[in-house]
Amino acid sequence: AGALPVSAAGNWAVTYLDPMPERFA
């Protein structure tokens, strides 16, 4: 339990971005 990262136990997520600006100032 201590050595396994959360992801290895099946607990993970992904962040998806909506369409972004072409350029950031």
mmCIF file of all heavy atoms, coordinates in Angstrom:
data_MODEL
# 
_entry.id   MODEL 
# 
loop_
_atom_site.group_PDB 
_atom_site.id 
_atom_site.type_symbol 
_atom_site.label_atom_id 
_atom_site.label_alt_id 
_atom_site.label_comp_id 
_atom_site.label_asym_id 
_atom_site.label_entity_id 
_atom_site.label_seq_id 
_atom_site.pdbx_PDB_ins_code 
_atom_site.Cartn_x 
_atom_site.Cartn_y 
_atom_site.Cartn_z 
_atom_site.occupancy 
_atom_site.B_iso_or_equiv 
_atom_site.pdbx_formal_charge 
_atom_site.auth_seq_id 
_atom_site.auth_comp_id 
_atom_site.auth_asym_id 
_atom_site.auth_atom_id 
_atom_site.pdbx_PDB_model_num 
ATOM 1   N N   . ALA A 1 1  ? 0.828   -1.214 0.000   1.00 0.00 ? 1  ALA A N   1 
ATOM 2   C CA  . ALA A 1 1  ? 0.000   0.000  0.000   1.00 0.00 ? 1  ALA A CA  1 
ATOM 3   C C   . ALA A 1 1  ? 0.852   1.249  0.000   1.00 0.00 ? 1  ALA A C   1 
ATOM 4   O O   . ALA A 1 1  ? 0.542   2.242  -0.635  1.00 0.00 ? 1  ALA A O   1 
ATOM 5   C CB  . ALA A 1 1  ? -0.929  -0.015 1.212   1.00 0.00 ? 1  ALA A CB  1 
ATOM 6   N N   . GLY A 1 2  ? 1.965   1.214  0.735   1.00 0.00 ? 2  GLY A N   1 
ATOM 7   C CA  . GLY A 1 2  ? 2.794   2.407  0.838   1.00 0.00 ? 2  GLY A CA  1 
ATOM 8   C C   . GLY A 1 2  ? 3.636   2.655  -0.390  1.00 0.00 ? 2  GLY A C   1 
ATOM 9   O O   . GLY A 1 2  ? 3.951   3.789  -0.718  1.00 0.00 ? 2  GLY A O   1 
ATOM 10  N N   . ALA A 1 3  ? 4.030   1.580  -1.078  1.00 0.00 ? 3  ALA A N   1 
ATOM 11  C CA  . ALA A 1 3  ? 4.944   1.750  -2.196  1.00 0.00 ? 3  ALA A CA  1 
ATOM 12  C C   . ALA A 1 3  ? 4.230   1.983  -3.509  1.00 0.00 ? 3  ALA A C   1 
ATOM 13  O O   . ALA A 1 3  ? 4.773   2.580  -4.417  1.00 0.00 ? 3  ALA A O   1 
ATOM 14  C CB  . ALA A 1 3  ? 5.850   0.522  -2.312  1.00 0.00 ? 3  ALA A CB  1 
ATOM 15  N N   . LEU A 1 4  ? 3.016   1.476  -3.635  1.00 0.00 ? 4  LEU A N   1 
ATOM 16  C CA  . LEU A 1 4  ? 2.302   1.643  -4.896  1.00 0.00 ? 4  LEU A CA  1 
ATOM 17  C C   . LEU A 1 4  ? 1.746   3.055  -5.019  1.00 0.00 ? 4  LEU A C   1 
ATOM 18  O O   . LEU A 1 4  ? 1.108   3.545  -4.097  1.00 0.00 ? 4  LEU A O   1 
ATOM 19  C CB  . LEU A 1 4  ? 1.145   0.647  -4.975  1.00 0.00 ? 4  LEU A CB  1 
ATOM 20  C CG  . LEU A 1 4  ? 1.524   -0.806 -5.237  1.00 0.00 ? 4  LEU A CG  1 
ATOM 21  C CD1 . LEU A 1 4  ? 0.277   -1.673 -5.108  1.00 0.00 ? 4  LEU A CD1 1 
ATOM 22  C CD2 . LEU A 1 4  ? 2.161   -0.993 -6.590  1.00 0.00 ? 4  LEU A CD2 1 
ATOM 23  N N   . PRO A 1 5  ? 1.981   3.723  -6.113  1.00 0.00 ? 5  PRO A N   1 
ATOM 24  C CA  . PRO A 1 5  ? 1.338   5.023  -6.308  1.00 0.00 ? 5  PRO A CA  1 
ATOM 25  C C   . PRO A 1 5  ? -0.151  4.847  -6.501  1.00 0.00 ? 5  PRO A C   1 
ATOM 26  O O   . PRO A 1 5  ? -0.637  3.771  -6.812  1.00 0.00 ? 5  PRO A O   1 
ATOM 27  C CB  . PRO A 1 5  ? 2.006   5.542  -7.595  1.00 0.00 ? 5  PRO A CB  1 
ATOM 28  C CG  . PRO A 1 5  ? 2.435   4.314  -8.308  1.00 0.00 ? 5  PRO A CG  1 
ATOM 29  C CD  . PRO A 1 5  ? 2.794   3.312  -7.250  1.00 0.00 ? 5  PRO A CD  1 
ATOM 30  N N   . VAL A 1 6  ? -0.869  5.932  -6.317  1.00 0.00 ? 6  VAL A N   1 
ATOM 31  C CA  . VAL A 1 6  ? -2.320  5.860  -6.433  1.00 0.00 ? 6  VAL A CA  1 
ATOM 32  C C   . VAL A 1 6  ? -2.733  5.318  -7.786  1.00 0.00 ? 6  VAL A C   1 
ATOM 33  O O   . VAL A 1 6  ? -3.678  4.551  -7.916  1.00 0.00 ? 6  VAL A O   1 
ATOM 34  C CB  . VAL A 1 6  ? -2.918  7.261  -6.219  1.00 0.00 ? 6  VAL A CB  1 
ATOM 35  C CG1 . VAL A 1 6  ? -4.426  7.232  -6.328  1.00 0.00 ? 6  VAL A CG1 1 
ATOM 36  C CG2 . VAL A 1 6  ? -2.511  7.790  -4.854  1.00 0.00 ? 6  VAL A CG2 1 
ATOM 37  N N   . SER A 1 7  ? -1.998  5.695  -8.804  1.00 0.00 ? 7  SER A N   1 
ATOM 38  C CA  . SER A 1 7  ? -2.381  5.261  -10.139 1.00 0.00 ? 7  SER A CA  1 
ATOM 39  C C   . SER A 1 7  ? -2.301  3.763  -10.302 1.00 0.00 ? 7  SER A C   1 
ATOM 40  O O   . SER A 1 7  ? -3.070  3.161  -11.031 1.00 0.00 ? 7  SER A O   1 
ATOM 41  C CB  . SER A 1 7  ? -1.492  5.927  -11.175 1.00 0.00 ? 7  SER A CB  1 
ATOM 42  O OG  . SER A 1 7  ? -0.146  5.556  -10.973 1.00 0.00 ? 7  SER A OG  1 
ATOM 43  N N   . ALA A 1 8  ? -1.336  3.131  -9.643  1.00 0.00 ? 8  ALA A N   1 
ATOM 44  C CA  . ALA A 1 8  ? -1.198  1.699  -9.787  1.00 0.00 ? 8  ALA A CA  1 
ATOM 45  C C   . ALA A 1 8  ? -2.351  0.962  -9.144  1.00 0.00 ? 8  ALA A C   1 
ATOM 46  O O   . ALA A 1 8  ? -2.626  -0.175 -9.449  1.00 0.00 ? 8  ALA A O   1 
ATOM 47  C CB  . ALA A 1 8  ? 0.129   1.243  -9.169  1.00 0.00 ? 8  ALA A CB  1 
ATOM 48  N N   . ALA A 1 9  ? -3.030  1.590  -8.198  1.00 0.00 ? 9  ALA A N   1 
ATOM 49  C CA  . ALA A 1 9  ? -4.159  0.945  -7.543  1.00 0.00 ? 9  ALA A CA  1 
ATOM 50  C C   . ALA A 1 9  ? -5.448  1.172  -8.322  1.00 0.00 ? 9  ALA A C   1 
ATOM 51  O O   . ALA A 1 9  ? -6.513  0.757  -7.898  1.00 0.00 ? 9  ALA A O   1 
ATOM 52  C CB  . ALA A 1 9  ? -4.307  1.502  -6.126  1.00 0.00 ? 9  ALA A CB  1 
ATOM 53  N N   . GLY A 1 10 ? -5.378  1.798  -9.465  1.00 0.00 ? 10 GLY A N   1 
ATOM 54  C CA  . GLY A 1 10 ? -6.577  2.021  -10.266 1.00 0.00 ? 10 GLY A CA  1 
ATOM 55  C C   . GLY A 1 10 ? -7.190  3.386  -10.050 1.00 0.00 ? 10 GLY A C   1 
ATOM 56  O O   . GLY A 1 10 ? -8.241  3.680  -10.592 1.00 0.00 ? 10 GLY A O   1 
ATOM 57  N N   . ASN A 1 11 ? -6.547  4.244  -9.279  1.00 0.00 ? 11 ASN A N   1 
ATOM 58  C CA  . ASN A 1 11 ? -7.087  5.567  -8.989  1.00 0.00 ? 11 ASN A CA  1 
ATOM 59  C C   . ASN A 1 11 ? -6.291  6.614  -9.750  1.00 0.00 ? 11 ASN A C   1 
ATOM 60  O O   . ASN A 1 11 ? -5.234  7.045  -9.307  1.00 0.00 ? 11 ASN A O   1 
ATOM 61  C CB  . ASN A 1 11 ? -7.030  5.864  -7.482  1.00 0.00 ? 11 ASN A CB  1 
ATOM 62  C CG  . ASN A 1 11 ? -8.012  5.034  -6.706  1.00 0.00 ? 11 ASN A CG  1 
ATOM 63  O OD1 . ASN A 1 11 ? -9.074  4.686  -7.212  1.00 0.00 ? 11 ASN A OD1 1 
ATOM 64  N ND2 . ASN A 1 11 ? -7.683  4.692  -5.481  1.00 0.00 ? 11 ASN A ND2 1 
ATOM 65  N N   . TRP A 1 12 ? -6.785  6.990  -10.907 1.00 0.00 ? 12 TRP A N   1 
ATOM 66  C CA  . TRP A 1 12 ? -6.128  8.062  -11.643 1.00 0.00 ? 12 TRP A CA  1 
ATOM 67  C C   . TRP A 1 12 ? -7.177  8.804  -12.456 1.00 0.00 ? 12 TRP A C   1 
ATOM 68  O O   . TRP A 1 12 ? -8.301  8.348  -12.629 1.00 0.00 ? 12 TRP A O   1 
ATOM 69  C CB  . TRP A 1 12 ? -5.026  7.515  -12.560 1.00 0.00 ? 12 TRP A CB  1 
ATOM 70  C CG  . TRP A 1 12 ? -5.512  6.880  -13.815 1.00 0.00 ? 12 TRP A CG  1 
ATOM 71  C CD1 . TRP A 1 12 ? -5.790  7.481  -15.013 1.00 0.00 ? 12 TRP A CD1 1 
ATOM 72  C CD2 . TRP A 1 12 ? -5.799  5.497  -14.024 1.00 0.00 ? 12 TRP A CD2 1 
ATOM 73  N NE1 . TRP A 1 12 ? -6.222  6.577  -15.940 1.00 0.00 ? 12 TRP A NE1 1 
ATOM 74  C CE2 . TRP A 1 12 ? -6.234  5.337  -15.363 1.00 0.00 ? 12 TRP A CE2 1 
ATOM 75  C CE3 . TRP A 1 12 ? -5.723  4.374  -13.200 1.00 0.00 ? 12 TRP A CE3 1 
ATOM 76  C CZ2 . TRP A 1 12 ? -6.594  4.117  -15.890 1.00 0.00 ? 12 TRP A CZ2 1 
ATOM 77  C CZ3 . TRP A 1 12 ? -6.082  3.146  -13.735 1.00 0.00 ? 12 TRP A CZ3 1 
ATOM 78  C CH2 . TRP A 1 12 ? -6.510  3.029  -15.065 1.00 0.00 ? 12 TRP A CH2 1 
ATOM 79  N N   . ALA A 1 13 ? -6.780  9.957  -12.930 1.00 0.00 ? 13 ALA A N   1 
ATOM 80  C CA  . ALA A 1 13 ? -7.668  10.759 -13.763 1.00 0.00 ? 13 ALA A CA  1 
ATOM 81  C C   . ALA A 1 13 ? -6.856  11.436 -14.846 1.00 0.00 ? 13 ALA A C   1 
ATOM 82  O O   . ALA A 1 13 ? -5.627  11.483 -14.787 1.00 0.00 ? 13 ALA A O   1 
ATOM 83  C CB  . ALA A 1 13 ? -8.397  11.796 -12.915 1.00 0.00 ? 13 ALA A CB  1 
ATOM 84  N N   . VAL A 1 14 ? -7.557  11.937 -15.833 1.00 0.00 ? 14 VAL A N   1 
ATOM 85  C CA  . VAL A 1 14 ? -6.934  12.671 -16.929 1.00 0.00 ? 14 VAL A CA  1 
ATOM 86  C C   . VAL A 1 14 ? -7.621  14.031 -17.038 1.00 0.00 ? 14 VAL A C   1 
ATOM 87  O O   . VAL A 1 14 ? -8.841  14.122 -16.921 1.00 0.00 ? 14 VAL A O   1 
ATOM 88  C CB  . VAL A 1 14 ? -7.077  11.907 -18.261 1.00 0.00 ? 14 VAL A CB  1 
ATOM 89  C CG1 . VAL A 1 14 ? -6.591  12.755 -19.433 1.00 0.00 ? 14 VAL A CG1 1 
ATOM 90  C CG2 . VAL A 1 14 ? -6.306  10.588 -18.206 1.00 0.00 ? 14 VAL A CG2 1 
ATOM 91  N N   . THR A 1 15 ? -6.831  15.070 -17.214 1.00 0.00 ? 15 THR A N   1 
ATOM 92  C CA  . THR A 1 15 ? -7.374  16.415 -17.457 1.00 0.00 ? 15 THR A CA  1 
ATOM 93  C C   . THR A 1 15 ? -7.357  16.702 -18.953 1.00 0.00 ? 15 THR A C   1 
ATOM 94  O O   . THR A 1 15 ? -6.296  16.677 -19.586 1.00 0.00 ? 15 THR A O   1 
ATOM 95  C CB  . THR A 1 15 ? -6.555  17.483 -16.714 1.00 0.00 ? 15 THR A CB  1 
ATOM 96  O OG1 . THR A 1 15 ? -6.699  17.298 -15.299 1.00 0.00 ? 15 THR A OG1 1 
ATOM 97  C CG2 . THR A 1 15 ? -7.033  18.883 -17.078 1.00 0.00 ? 15 THR A CG2 1 
ATOM 98  N N   . TYR A 1 16 ? -8.543  16.928 -19.504 1.00 0.00 ? 16 TYR A N   1 
ATOM 99  C CA  . TYR A 1 16 ? -8.680  17.315 -20.913 1.00 0.00 ? 16 TYR A CA  1 
ATOM 100 C C   . TYR A 1 16 ? -8.983  18.812 -20.970 1.00 0.00 ? 16 TYR A C   1 
ATOM 101 O O   . TYR A 1 16 ? -9.813  19.308 -20.207 1.00 0.00 ? 16 TYR A O   1 
ATOM 102 C CB  . TYR A 1 16 ? -9.831  16.574 -21.585 1.00 0.00 ? 16 TYR A CB  1 
ATOM 103 C CG  . TYR A 1 16 ? -9.672  15.079 -21.686 1.00 0.00 ? 16 TYR A CG  1 
ATOM 104 C CD1 . TYR A 1 16 ? -10.172 14.236 -20.703 1.00 0.00 ? 16 TYR A CD1 1 
ATOM 105 C CD2 . TYR A 1 16 ? -9.051  14.493 -22.791 1.00 0.00 ? 16 TYR A CD2 1 
ATOM 106 C CE1 . TYR A 1 16 ? -10.053 12.857 -20.803 1.00 0.00 ? 16 TYR A CE1 1 
ATOM 107 C CE2 . TYR A 1 16 ? -8.930  13.125 -22.903 1.00 0.00 ? 16 TYR A CE2 1 
ATOM 108 C CZ  . TYR A 1 16 ? -9.428  12.311 -21.907 1.00 0.00 ? 16 TYR A CZ  1 
ATOM 109 O OH  . TYR A 1 16 ? -9.316  10.944 -22.013 1.00 0.00 ? 16 TYR A OH  1 
ATOM 110 N N   . LEU A 1 17 ? -8.354  19.504 -21.897 1.00 0.00 ? 17 LEU A N   1 
ATOM 111 C CA  . LEU A 1 17 ? -8.609  20.930 -22.067 1.00 0.00 ? 17 LEU A CA  1 
ATOM 112 C C   . LEU A 1 17 ? -9.607  21.164 -23.193 1.00 0.00 ? 17 LEU A C   1 
ATOM 113 O O   . LEU A 1 17 ? -9.554  20.508 -24.237 1.00 0.00 ? 17 LEU A O   1 
ATOM 114 C CB  . LEU A 1 17 ? -7.320  21.674 -22.380 1.00 0.00 ? 17 LEU A CB  1 
ATOM 115 C CG  . LEU A 1 17 ? -6.205  21.619 -21.328 1.00 0.00 ? 17 LEU A CG  1 
ATOM 116 C CD1 . LEU A 1 17 ? -4.988  22.369 -21.838 1.00 0.00 ? 17 LEU A CD1 1 
ATOM 117 C CD2 . LEU A 1 17 ? -6.672  22.180 -19.998 1.00 0.00 ? 17 LEU A CD2 1 
ATOM 118 N N   . ASP A 1 18 ? -10.502 22.110 -22.976 1.00 0.00 ? 18 ASP A N   1 
ATOM 119 C CA  . ASP A 1 18 ? -11.313 22.602 -24.082 1.00 0.00 ? 18 ASP A CA  1 
ATOM 120 C C   . ASP A 1 18 ? -10.400 23.366 -25.048 1.00 0.00 ? 18 ASP A C   1 
ATOM 121 O O   . ASP A 1 18 ? -9.253  23.688 -24.698 1.00 0.00 ? 18 ASP A O   1 
ATOM 122 C CB  . ASP A 1 18 ? -12.419 23.519 -23.548 1.00 0.00 ? 18 ASP A CB  1 
ATOM 123 C CG  . ASP A 1 18 ? -13.532 22.743 -22.854 1.00 0.00 ? 18 ASP A CG  1 
ATOM 124 O OD1 . ASP A 1 18 ? -13.777 21.586 -23.256 1.00 0.00 ? 18 ASP A OD1 1 
ATOM 125 O OD2 . ASP A 1 18 ? -14.147 23.280 -21.920 1.00 0.00 ? 18 ASP A OD2 1 
ATOM 126 N N   . PRO A 1 19 ? -10.862 23.675 -26.256 1.00 0.00 ? 19 PRO A N   1 
ATOM 127 C CA  . PRO A 1 19 ? -10.014 24.411 -27.201 1.00 0.00 ? 19 PRO A CA  1 
ATOM 128 C C   . PRO A 1 19 ? -9.418  25.668 -26.574 1.00 0.00 ? 19 PRO A C   1 
ATOM 129 O O   . PRO A 1 19 ? -10.105 26.450 -25.927 1.00 0.00 ? 19 PRO A O   1 
ATOM 130 C CB  . PRO A 1 19 ? -10.979 24.741 -28.341 1.00 0.00 ? 19 PRO A CB  1 
ATOM 131 C CG  . PRO A 1 19 ? -11.961 23.612 -28.317 1.00 0.00 ? 19 PRO A CG  1 
ATOM 132 C CD  . PRO A 1 19 ? -12.155 23.294 -26.863 1.00 0.00 ? 19 PRO A CD  1 
ATOM 133 N N   . MET A 1 20 ? -8.118  25.813 -26.756 1.00 0.00 ? 20 MET A N   1 
ATOM 134 C CA  . MET A 1 20 ? -7.362  26.899 -26.154 1.00 0.00 ? 20 MET A CA  1 
ATOM 135 C C   . MET A 1 20 ? -7.142  28.039 -27.143 1.00 0.00 ? 20 MET A C   1 
ATOM 136 O O   . MET A 1 20 ? -7.240  27.836 -28.367 1.00 0.00 ? 20 MET A O   1 
ATOM 137 C CB  . MET A 1 20 ? -5.983  26.386 -25.706 1.00 0.00 ? 20 MET A CB  1 
ATOM 138 C CG  . MET A 1 20 ? -6.011  25.307 -24.642 1.00 0.00 ? 20 MET A CG  1 
ATOM 139 S SD  . MET A 1 20 ? -6.386  25.959 -23.009 1.00 0.00 ? 20 MET A SD  1 
ATOM 140 C CE  . MET A 1 20 ? -8.084  25.393 -22.856 1.00 0.00 ? 20 MET A CE  1 
ATOM 141 N N   . PRO A 1 21 ? -6.806  29.221 -26.646 1.00 0.00 ? 21 PRO A N   1 
ATOM 142 C CA  . PRO A 1 21 ? -6.386  30.293 -27.550 1.00 0.00 ? 21 PRO A CA  1 
ATOM 143 C C   . PRO A 1 21 ? -5.136  29.878 -28.328 1.00 0.00 ? 21 PRO A C   1 
ATOM 144 O O   . PRO A 1 21 ? -4.313  29.108 -27.838 1.00 0.00 ? 21 PRO A O   1 
ATOM 145 C CB  . PRO A 1 21 ? -6.078  31.456 -26.597 1.00 0.00 ? 21 PRO A CB  1 
ATOM 146 C CG  . PRO A 1 21 ? -6.839  31.148 -25.350 1.00 0.00 ? 21 PRO A CG  1 
ATOM 147 C CD  . PRO A 1 21 ? -6.871  29.657 -25.234 1.00 0.00 ? 21 PRO A CD  1 
ATOM 148 N N   . GLU A 1 22 ? -5.016  30.369 -29.543 1.00 0.00 ? 22 GLU A N   1 
ATOM 149 C CA  . GLU A 1 22 ? -3.838  30.057 -30.353 1.00 0.00 ? 22 GLU A CA  1 
ATOM 150 C C   . GLU A 1 22 ? -2.577  30.655 -29.744 1.00 0.00 ? 22 GLU A C   1 
ATOM 151 O O   . GLU A 1 22 ? -1.490  30.090 -29.880 1.00 0.00 ? 22 GLU A O   1 
ATOM 152 C CB  . GLU A 1 22 ? -4.022  30.597 -31.779 1.00 0.00 ? 22 GLU A CB  1 
ATOM 153 C CG  . GLU A 1 22 ? -5.089  29.868 -32.578 1.00 0.00 ? 22 GLU A CG  1 
ATOM 154 C CD  . GLU A 1 22 ? -4.648  28.465 -32.965 1.00 0.00 ? 22 GLU A CD  1 
ATOM 155 O OE1 . GLU A 1 22 ? -3.425  28.186 -32.884 1.00 0.00 ? 22 GLU A OE1 1 
ATOM 156 O OE2 . GLU A 1 22 ? -5.510  27.659 -33.342 1.00 0.00 ? 22 GLU A OE2 1 
ATOM 157 N N   . ARG A 1 23 ? -2.733  31.792 -29.058 1.00 0.00 ? 23 ARG A N   1 
ATOM 158 C CA  . ARG A 1 23 ? -1.558  32.480 -28.527 1.00 0.00 ? 23 ARG A CA  1 
ATOM 159 C C   . ARG A 1 23 ? -1.895  33.103 -27.174 1.00 0.00 ? 23 ARG A C   1 
ATOM 160 O O   . ARG A 1 23 ? -2.980  33.642 -26.983 1.00 0.00 ? 23 ARG A O   1 
ATOM 161 C CB  . ARG A 1 23 ? -1.098  33.556 -29.514 1.00 0.00 ? 23 ARG A CB  1 
ATOM 162 C CG  . ARG A 1 23 ? 0.180   34.278 -29.102 1.00 0.00 ? 23 ARG A CG  1 
ATOM 163 C CD  . ARG A 1 23 ? 0.651   35.238 -30.201 1.00 0.00 ? 23 ARG A CD  1 
ATOM 164 N NE  . ARG A 1 23 ? 1.840   35.987 -29.793 1.00 0.00 ? 23 ARG A NE  1 
ATOM 165 C CZ  . ARG A 1 23 ? 3.073   35.505 -29.853 1.00 0.00 ? 23 ARG A CZ  1 
ATOM 166 N NH1 . ARG A 1 23 ? 3.284   34.283 -30.306 1.00 0.00 ? 23 ARG A NH1 1 
ATOM 167 N NH2 . ARG A 1 23 ? 4.106   36.235 -29.469 1.00 0.00 ? 23 ARG A NH2 1 
ATOM 168 N N   . PHE A 1 24 ? -0.941  33.010 -26.259 1.00 0.00 ? 24 PHE A N   1 
ATOM 169 C CA  . PHE A 1 24 ? -1.075  33.596 -24.932 1.00 0.00 ? 24 PHE A CA  1 
ATOM 170 C C   . PHE A 1 24 ? -0.096  34.766 -24.803 1.00 0.00 ? 24 PHE A C   1 
ATOM 171 O O   . PHE A 1 24 ? 1.092   34.622 -25.099 1.00 0.00 ? 24 PHE A O   1 
ATOM 172 C CB  . PHE A 1 24 ? -0.775  32.572 -23.845 1.00 0.00 ? 24 PHE A CB  1 
ATOM 173 C CG  . PHE A 1 24 ? -1.828  31.504 -23.715 1.00 0.00 ? 24 PHE A CG  1 
ATOM 174 C CD1 . PHE A 1 24 ? -1.860  30.428 -24.594 1.00 0.00 ? 24 PHE A CD1 1 
ATOM 175 C CD2 . PHE A 1 24 ? -2.776  31.563 -22.704 1.00 0.00 ? 24 PHE A CD2 1 
ATOM 176 C CE1 . PHE A 1 24 ? -2.815  29.435 -24.468 1.00 0.00 ? 24 PHE A CE1 1 
ATOM 177 C CE2 . PHE A 1 24 ? -3.746  30.575 -22.580 1.00 0.00 ? 24 PHE A CE2 1 
ATOM 178 C CZ  . PHE A 1 24 ? -3.760  29.503 -23.465 1.00 0.00 ? 24 PHE A CZ  1 
ATOM 179 N N   . ALA A 1 25 ? -0.602  35.918 -24.347 1.00 0.00 ? 25 ALA A N   1 
ATOM 180 C CA  . ALA A 1 25 ? 0.232   37.097 -24.138 1.00 0.00 ? 25 ALA A CA  1 
ATOM 181 C C   . ALA A 1 25 ? 0.460   37.288 -22.636 1.00 0.00 ? 25 ALA A C   1 
ATOM 182 O O   . ALA A 1 25 ? -0.399  36.933 -21.818 1.00 0.00 ? 25 ALA A O   1 
ATOM 183 C CB  . ALA A 1 25 ? -0.438  38.337 -24.727 1.00 0.00 ? 25 ALA A CB  1 
# 
